[in-house]
Protein backbone atom coordinates (compact mmCIF):
# COMPACT_ATOMS: atom_id res chain seq x y z
CA MET A 1 -20.11 -22.68 16.45
CA ILE A 2 -16.74 -21.04 15.79
CA PRO A 3 -13.79 -22.82 17.45
CA ALA A 4 -11.75 -20.81 19.92
CA LYS A 5 -8.63 -21.02 17.79
CA THR A 6 -8.76 -20.61 14.02
CA ARG A 7 -6.58 -19.09 11.30
CA THR A 8 -8.52 -15.83 11.48
CA SER A 9 -8.36 -15.67 15.28
CA ALA A 10 -4.57 -15.42 14.98
CA THR A 11 -4.80 -11.78 13.97
CA PHE A 12 -6.59 -8.52 14.78
CA LEU A 13 -9.77 -6.96 13.42
CA PRO A 14 -9.54 -4.93 10.18
CA PRO A 15 -8.15 -1.56 11.31
CA VAL A 16 -10.12 0.66 8.94
CA MET A 17 -13.39 -0.98 9.98
CA GLU A 18 -12.44 -0.52 13.63
CA ALA A 19 -11.75 3.17 13.03
CA ARG A 20 -15.11 3.68 11.33
CA ARG A 21 -16.82 2.48 14.49
CA TRP A 22 -15.39 5.52 16.29
CA LEU A 23 -17.85 7.59 14.26
CA ASP A 24 -20.88 5.89 15.82
CA GLY A 25 -22.95 8.38 17.76
CA VAL A 26 -20.78 11.37 16.82
CA THR A 27 -22.30 14.22 14.83
CA PHE A 28 -20.37 16.82 12.87
CA PRO A 29 -21.90 20.26 12.23
CA ALA A 30 -22.15 21.44 8.63
CA GLU A 31 -19.70 24.25 9.28
CA ARG A 32 -17.18 21.79 10.74
CA PRO A 33 -17.48 18.52 8.82
CA LEU A 34 -15.47 15.40 9.51
CA ILE A 35 -11.94 15.38 8.13
CA ASN A 36 -11.44 11.74 7.15
CA VAL A 37 -7.79 10.86 6.63
CA SER A 38 -8.09 7.23 7.71
CA GLN A 39 -8.36 5.04 4.60
CA ALA A 40 -6.30 5.98 1.56
CA ALA A 41 -8.73 5.72 -1.32
CA PRO A 42 -9.97 8.00 -4.11
CA VAL A 43 -13.51 9.16 -3.46
CA ALA A 44 -14.20 10.34 -7.02
CA PRO A 45 -15.20 7.91 -9.78
CA PRO A 46 -12.92 7.08 -12.71
CA PRO A 47 -12.81 9.62 -15.54
CA ALA A 48 -15.91 9.69 -17.72
CA PRO A 49 -14.26 8.24 -20.87
CA MET A 50 -13.14 5.20 -18.86
CA ILE A 51 -16.67 4.70 -17.52
CA GLU A 52 -18.00 4.90 -21.08
CA ALA A 53 -15.46 2.32 -22.25
CA LEU A 54 -16.42 0.07 -19.36
CA GLN A 55 -20.10 0.43 -20.16
CA GLU A 56 -19.42 -0.65 -23.74
CA ALA A 57 -17.46 -3.65 -22.48
CA MET A 58 -20.34 -4.69 -20.24
CA ALA A 59 -22.43 -5.28 -23.37
CA GLU A 60 -19.98 -7.94 -24.56
CA PRO A 61 -20.87 -11.50 -23.46
CA GLU A 62 -17.27 -12.51 -22.66
CA THR A 63 -17.01 -9.75 -20.05
CA HIS A 64 -19.29 -11.80 -17.82
CA LEU A 65 -17.49 -15.13 -18.19
CA TYR A 66 -14.55 -16.66 -16.39
CA GLY A 67 -11.25 -15.40 -17.74
CA PRO A 68 -7.74 -16.86 -17.49
CA VAL A 69 -6.58 -17.47 -13.92
CA LEU A 70 -3.51 -15.27 -14.43
CA GLY A 71 -5.44 -12.51 -16.15
CA LEU A 72 -6.26 -11.18 -19.59
CA PRO A 73 -3.34 -11.73 -21.99
CA ALA A 74 -3.68 -8.21 -23.42
CA LEU A 75 -3.34 -6.62 -19.97
CA ARG A 76 -0.38 -8.82 -19.05
CA GLU A 77 1.29 -7.85 -22.31
CA GLN A 78 0.59 -4.15 -21.77
CA ILE A 79 2.10 -4.26 -18.27
CA ALA A 80 5.17 -6.09 -19.56
CA THR A 81 5.63 -3.51 -22.32
CA ASP A 82 5.04 -0.43 -20.17
CA TRP A 83 7.06 -1.66 -17.19
CA SER A 84 9.98 -2.63 -19.44
CA ALA A 85 10.03 0.90 -20.81
CA ALA A 86 9.54 2.63 -17.45
CA TYR A 87 12.25 0.64 -15.68
CA ALA A 88 14.58 0.25 -18.69
CA GLY A 89 14.45 -3.51 -18.23
CA GLN A 90 13.09 -6.62 -19.85
CA ILE A 91 9.80 -8.08 -18.61
CA ARG A 92 7.90 -10.74 -20.55
CA PRO A 93 4.11 -11.15 -20.43
CA ALA A 94 4.62 -14.64 -18.98
CA GLN A 95 6.23 -12.95 -15.96
CA VAL A 96 3.05 -10.97 -15.22
CA ALA A 97 -0.09 -12.13 -13.43
CA ILE A 98 -3.24 -10.13 -12.70
CA THR A 99 -4.87 -10.41 -9.28
CA ALA A 100 -8.00 -9.19 -7.52
CA GLY A 101 -6.19 -6.21 -6.02
CA CYS A 102 -2.71 -5.85 -4.60
CA ASN A 103 -3.66 -7.38 -1.26
CA GLN A 104 -4.46 -10.61 -3.08
CA ALA A 105 -1.15 -10.30 -4.91
CA PHE A 106 0.66 -10.27 -1.58
CA CYS A 107 -1.40 -13.13 -0.13
CA ALA A 108 -0.80 -15.32 -3.17
CA THR A 109 2.91 -14.50 -3.20
CA LEU A 110 3.30 -15.29 0.48
CA PHE A 111 1.58 -18.67 0.07
CA ALA A 112 3.90 -19.47 -2.84
CA LEU A 113 7.04 -18.52 -0.91
CA ALA A 114 6.50 -19.53 2.71
CA ALA A 115 5.10 -22.30 4.88
CA GLU A 116 3.79 -22.33 8.42
CA GLY A 117 6.61 -21.59 10.86
CA ASP A 118 8.61 -19.55 8.34
CA GLU A 119 9.47 -15.85 8.73
CA VAL A 120 9.13 -12.68 6.65
CA ILE A 121 10.84 -9.42 7.60
CA LEU A 122 8.59 -6.34 7.56
CA PRO A 123 9.91 -2.82 8.19
CA THR A 124 7.93 -1.05 10.88
CA PRO A 125 5.68 0.81 10.75
CA TRP A 126 4.27 -1.93 8.52
CA TYR A 127 1.23 -2.15 6.28
CA PHE A 128 -1.28 -3.82 8.58
CA ASN A 129 -2.83 -6.13 5.96
CA HIS A 130 0.60 -7.65 5.34
CA LYS A 131 0.88 -8.39 9.05
CA MET A 132 -2.66 -9.78 9.21
CA TRP A 133 -2.06 -12.21 6.37
CA LEU A 134 1.22 -13.44 7.84
CA ASP A 135 -0.57 -14.03 11.14
CA MET A 136 -3.30 -16.06 9.48
CA ALA A 137 -0.79 -18.01 7.40
CA GLY A 138 1.19 -18.99 10.49
CA VAL A 139 4.24 -17.09 9.21
CA ALA A 140 6.10 -14.91 11.71
CA ALA A 141 6.32 -11.22 10.86
CA VAL A 142 9.77 -10.12 12.00
CA PRO A 143 9.76 -6.36 12.65
CA LEU A 144 12.56 -4.20 11.25
CA PRO A 145 12.23 -0.77 12.93
CA CYS A 146 12.81 2.15 10.56
CA GLY A 147 15.26 4.84 11.53
CA ALA A 148 15.78 8.45 10.48
CA GLY A 149 13.56 9.49 7.60
CA MET A 150 11.40 6.39 8.14
CA LEU A 151 13.89 4.27 6.16
CA PRO A 152 14.82 0.64 6.90
CA ASP A 153 18.48 -0.37 7.24
CA PRO A 154 19.75 -3.36 5.20
CA ASP A 155 22.46 -4.10 7.77
CA GLN A 156 19.86 -4.35 10.52
CA ALA A 157 17.76 -6.54 8.27
CA ALA A 158 20.72 -8.84 7.66
CA ALA A 159 21.02 -9.43 11.39
CA LEU A 160 17.38 -10.59 11.50
CA ILE A 161 17.69 -13.25 8.79
CA THR A 162 17.49 -16.83 10.05
CA PRO A 163 17.20 -20.21 8.32
CA ARG A 164 13.44 -19.68 8.49
CA THR A 165 13.45 -16.33 6.65
CA ARG A 166 11.78 -16.51 3.25
CA ALA A 167 11.47 -12.87 2.21
CA ILE A 168 11.84 -9.20 3.04
CA THR A 169 8.85 -7.03 2.10
CA LEU A 170 9.28 -3.37 1.20
CA VAL A 171 6.55 -0.86 0.31
CA SER A 172 7.69 2.21 -1.65
CA PRO A 173 6.34 4.86 -1.74
CA ASN A 174 5.57 3.65 1.70
CA ASN A 175 2.29 2.84 3.36
CA PRO A 176 1.94 4.09 6.11
CA ALA A 177 4.78 6.64 6.15
CA GLY A 178 4.67 8.04 2.61
CA THR A 179 8.46 7.76 2.36
CA GLU A 180 10.08 7.06 -0.99
CA TYR A 181 12.94 4.59 -0.65
CA PRO A 182 16.04 5.79 -2.55
CA PRO A 183 17.01 3.55 -5.51
CA GLU A 184 20.31 2.64 -3.89
CA LEU A 185 18.50 1.48 -0.74
CA ILE A 186 16.20 -0.78 -2.75
CA THR A 187 19.23 -2.15 -4.59
CA ALA A 188 20.97 -2.85 -1.29
CA PHE A 189 17.98 -4.86 -0.11
CA ARG A 190 17.92 -6.74 -3.43
CA ASP A 191 21.59 -7.62 -3.04
CA LEU A 192 21.04 -8.74 0.56
CA CYS A 193 18.12 -10.97 -0.44
CA ARG A 194 19.99 -12.48 -3.37
CA ASN A 195 23.08 -13.18 -1.27
CA ARG A 196 21.02 -14.86 1.43
CA GLY A 197 18.79 -16.84 -0.92
CA ILE A 198 15.49 -15.18 -0.02
CA ALA A 199 12.95 -13.15 -1.99
CA LEU A 200 12.53 -9.40 -2.09
CA ILE A 201 8.81 -8.57 -2.24
CA LEU A 202 8.53 -4.98 -3.45
CA ASP A 203 5.03 -3.50 -3.17
CA GLU A 204 4.78 -0.48 -5.48
CA THR A 205 1.06 0.20 -5.13
CA TYR A 206 1.83 3.94 -5.13
CA ARG A 207 4.47 4.00 -7.89
CA ASP A 208 2.29 6.28 -10.04
CA PHE A 209 2.72 9.01 -7.40
CA HIS A 210 6.50 8.81 -7.04
CA SER A 211 7.97 12.32 -6.98
CA SER A 212 10.95 11.62 -9.26
CA GLU A 213 10.75 11.63 -13.03
CA GLN A 214 13.31 8.83 -13.00
CA ALA A 215 12.56 5.15 -12.40
CA PRO A 216 12.11 4.39 -8.69
CA HIS A 217 14.83 1.71 -8.95
CA ASP A 218 16.88 -0.20 -11.51
CA LEU A 219 16.10 -3.74 -10.41
CA PHE A 220 14.51 -4.70 -13.73
CA THR A 221 17.67 -3.76 -15.64
CA ASP A 222 19.27 -6.89 -14.21
CA PRO A 223 18.62 -9.70 -16.74
CA ASP A 224 18.29 -12.13 -13.81
CA TRP A 225 15.91 -9.95 -11.81
CA ASP A 226 13.33 -12.70 -11.42
CA ASP A 227 15.61 -14.91 -9.32
CA VAL A 228 14.98 -12.62 -6.34
CA LEU A 229 12.39 -9.92 -7.09
CA VAL A 230 8.61 -10.13 -6.72
CA HIS A 231 6.97 -6.88 -7.77
CA LEU A 232 3.42 -6.04 -6.63
CA TYR A 233 1.15 -3.34 -8.04
CA SER A 234 -2.39 -1.98 -7.84
CA PHE A 235 -4.54 -0.11 -10.34
CA SER A 236 -6.85 1.09 -7.56
CA LYS A 237 -5.25 4.45 -6.90
CA ALA A 238 -4.00 5.25 -10.41
CA TYR A 239 -7.38 4.98 -12.14
CA ARG A 240 -9.76 5.20 -9.14
CA LEU A 241 -10.68 1.54 -9.51
CA THR A 242 -10.72 0.57 -5.85
CA GLY A 243 -14.04 -1.25 -6.10
CA HIS A 244 -12.97 -3.27 -9.14
CA ARG A 245 -10.06 -5.00 -7.37
CA THR A 246 -7.33 -5.11 -10.01
CA GLY A 247 -3.70 -5.67 -9.10
CA ALA A 248 -0.64 -7.43 -10.47
CA VAL A 249 2.35 -9.60 -9.62
CA VAL A 250 5.52 -9.47 -11.71
CA ALA A 251 7.78 -12.43 -10.94
CA SER A 252 9.41 -15.53 -12.37
CA GLU A 253 7.30 -17.94 -14.39
CA ARG A 254 8.12 -20.63 -11.86
CA LEU A 255 6.74 -18.58 -8.97
CA LEU A 256 3.67 -17.57 -10.97
CA SER A 257 2.90 -21.23 -11.60
CA GLU A 258 2.65 -21.64 -7.82
CA ILE A 259 0.69 -18.40 -7.42
CA GLU A 260 -1.76 -19.65 -10.04
CA LYS A 261 -2.78 -22.49 -7.71
CA PHE A 262 -3.74 -20.00 -5.01
CA LEU A 263 -5.60 -17.69 -7.37
CA ASP A 264 -7.58 -20.51 -8.91
CA CYS A 265 -8.89 -21.57 -5.51
CA VAL A 266 -9.63 -18.08 -4.16
CA ALA A 267 -11.22 -16.21 -7.07
CA ILE A 268 -10.75 -18.48 -10.16
CA CYS A 269 -9.89 -15.36 -12.14
CA PRO A 270 -9.50 -11.64 -11.48
CA PRO A 271 -12.67 -9.61 -12.18
CA GLN A 272 -13.04 -8.95 -15.89
CA PRO A 273 -14.44 -5.38 -15.74
CA GLY A 274 -11.53 -4.09 -13.69
CA GLN A 275 -9.03 -5.63 -16.07
CA ILE A 276 -10.77 -4.11 -19.07
CA ALA A 277 -10.79 -0.70 -17.40
CA ALA A 278 -7.13 -0.98 -16.39
CA LEU A 279 -6.09 -1.90 -19.93
CA TRP A 280 -8.10 0.97 -21.38
CA GLY A 281 -6.53 3.33 -18.85
CA MET A 282 -2.99 2.24 -19.68
CA ARG A 283 -3.66 2.85 -23.36
CA ASN A 284 -5.56 6.14 -23.09
CA LEU A 285 -5.05 7.97 -19.80
CA ALA A 286 -1.35 8.83 -19.60
CA GLN A 287 -1.99 12.58 -19.64
CA TRP A 288 -4.88 12.31 -17.20
CA LEU A 289 -2.77 10.22 -14.82
CA ALA A 290 0.00 12.80 -15.00
CA GLY A 291 -2.49 15.35 -13.73
CA GLU A 292 -3.57 13.04 -10.91
CA ARG A 293 0.07 12.55 -9.94
CA ALA A 294 0.72 16.30 -9.92
CA GLU A 295 -2.28 16.90 -7.67
CA VAL A 296 -1.34 14.16 -5.18
CA LEU A 297 2.26 15.38 -5.02
CA ALA A 298 1.06 18.95 -4.45
CA ARG A 299 -0.98 17.75 -1.48
CA GLY A 300 2.04 15.98 -0.01
CA ARG A 301 4.17 19.11 -0.41
CA ALA A 302 1.49 21.22 1.25
CA MET A 303 1.43 18.88 4.22
CA TRP A 304 5.22 18.92 4.47
CA ALA A 305 5.18 22.72 4.28
CA GLY A 306 2.94 22.73 7.36
CA ARG A 307 5.43 20.86 9.54
CA ALA A 308 6.53 24.04 11.34
CA ARG A 309 2.92 24.83 12.30
CA LEU A 310 2.49 21.29 13.56
CA ALA A 311 5.75 21.50 15.50
CA GLU A 312 4.61 24.68 17.24
CA ALA A 313 1.63 22.68 18.53
CA GLY A 314 3.83 19.77 19.62
CA TRP A 315 3.29 17.42 16.66
CA THR A 316 6.33 16.04 14.81
CA LEU A 317 5.86 15.38 11.11
CA HIS A 318 8.30 12.62 10.13
CA SER A 319 7.45 12.20 6.46
CA ALA A 320 4.97 13.06 3.74
CA GLY A 321 4.74 11.72 0.22
CA ALA A 322 2.51 9.94 -2.29
CA TYR A 323 -0.68 9.19 -0.34
CA PHE A 324 0.50 9.49 3.25
CA ALA A 325 2.05 11.53 6.02
CA TYR A 326 3.31 10.15 9.33
CA LEU A 327 3.66 12.05 12.57
CA SER A 328 4.14 11.76 16.33
CA HIS A 329 1.85 13.29 18.94
CA PRO A 330 2.89 15.15 22.12
CA PHE A 331 0.38 13.70 24.59
CA ASP A 332 0.74 11.33 27.54
CA ILE A 333 -1.63 8.73 26.12
CA SER A 334 -1.32 6.02 23.51
CA SER A 335 -2.21 6.86 19.94
CA ALA A 336 -4.87 4.14 20.25
CA GLU A 337 -6.61 6.31 22.86
CA LEU A 338 -5.86 9.55 21.06
CA ALA A 339 -7.36 8.53 17.71
CA PRO A 340 -11.01 8.19 18.86
CA LYS A 341 -10.57 11.31 20.99
CA LEU A 342 -9.57 13.27 17.88
CA VAL A 343 -12.84 12.17 16.27
CA ARG A 344 -14.92 13.43 19.16
CA ASP A 345 -12.99 16.62 19.99
CA ALA A 346 -11.50 17.72 16.66
CA GLY A 347 -13.59 16.03 14.00
CA ILE A 348 -10.56 14.25 12.55
CA LEU A 349 -10.50 10.53 11.76
CA MET A 350 -6.98 9.12 11.35
CA LEU A 351 -5.32 5.85 12.24
CA PRO A 352 -3.04 5.35 15.26
CA GLY A 353 0.49 4.04 14.94
CA THR A 354 -0.49 1.07 17.08
CA MET A 355 -2.20 -0.31 13.97
CA PHE A 356 1.13 -0.33 12.12
CA THR A 357 3.50 -1.64 14.77
CA PRO A 358 3.90 -4.69 17.04
CA ALA A 359 1.87 -4.81 20.24
CA GLY A 360 3.45 -2.69 22.94
CA ASP A 361 5.74 -0.83 20.52
CA ALA A 362 6.63 2.48 22.18
CA LEU A 363 6.99 4.39 18.91
CA GLY A 364 3.66 3.16 17.59
CA GLN A 365 1.96 4.48 20.71
CA ARG A 366 3.14 7.99 19.80
CA GLN A 367 2.57 7.89 16.05
CA MET A 368 -0.34 8.56 13.67
CA ARG A 369 -0.92 8.01 9.94
CA VAL A 370 -2.54 10.69 7.79
CA ALA A 371 -3.98 9.75 4.38
CA VAL A 372 -3.05 13.17 3.08
CA ALA A 373 -4.10 12.44 -0.52
CA ASN A 374 -7.71 12.44 0.73
CA LEU A 375 -7.50 16.21 1.25
CA ASP A 376 -7.41 19.02 -1.28
CA LEU A 377 -5.29 22.08 -0.46
CA PRO A 378 -8.06 23.87 1.51
CA GLY A 379 -8.66 20.59 3.32
CA ILE A 380 -5.01 20.41 4.33
CA GLU A 381 -5.25 23.93 5.71
CA SER A 382 -8.29 22.93 7.76
CA PHE A 383 -6.47 19.83 8.99
CA LEU A 384 -3.44 21.85 10.12
CA SER A 385 -5.66 24.37 11.88
CA ARG A 386 -7.66 21.73 13.75
CA MET A 387 -4.51 19.88 14.78
CA SER A 388 -3.16 23.12 16.27
CA GLU A 389 -6.44 23.93 17.98
CA PHE A 390 -6.68 20.47 19.49
CA ALA A 391 -3.16 20.60 20.91
CA SER A 392 -3.77 23.98 22.50
CA ALA A 393 -7.19 23.13 23.96
């Protein structure tokens, strides 16, 4: 018998699983297949050489044993080396921990930073799994509405900080909006957090698909970066390793010692195969990853180029980048009602803004997220056409 009130009952059902239920009983003709832009995840397997390397590793006995709680030393060292070069900073292997995906990285970080009754500021639209975990942890998610360009304002964030605030969480490139936060904006949030004695949690799951050739920010150039910054990352998108659950936290050794307690109880150690694959990818797939990045960025540009067509049909495209695009609809119903209707009437599965905003939020009721990286260029053309047809029907 499940009690009426539990930690899990404090939050909502997993949004992607809810959206998949809208497909029940709906058929899609071969000439008009479902356009699925709901969950942002590669559908192709990793490149063949990586699979071969992983198969070789599976023959080694130690691959099947428990590993270190904070991850394989070689992978931690590789991340420290590569991140130090990419961000022109200094990161030591002892400041790196490997996790079972980036979601676990966030959960572990939150448990190490906050207690029940504390607060964490999340820009809205927020990443729903961040909100879910805060709910279950008994930590209040304080919404920070984004303004023009889907960017949060540090001054507005400052006004939300209370004695209970433990962190501000940013996601850049953003999930769900796809927006890239300018380096100076990230720096402003770092300065705010440092001045107010709270942490800046920076989730860079999609850093490999940033459009600039320059570093996304200069936070690691500060020799004291670890007094305020907690950096989160995922290998899932970069190397198509979603099923292997491999992520990372880069933070102070002191914070990682607290995070280690959480990780030891939840998974004991991150999965070995995913770590082995990630390490092999970092050492061998730079050119391949550059091609992946170019393709994803091309898809985002194609979506952005279609904003005039969408506008003619009443849709407003607010942003597009990395894996996502974010738009508003023109109809007199909530996006929560519109989303399943789009499945039935247009053969498009996307997530409503109500999944990324507080209950009753007026903007969320008019917004939709598009996992644009799921579509190739012909797929984007089909998406734009169906969106126009639906609006004019």
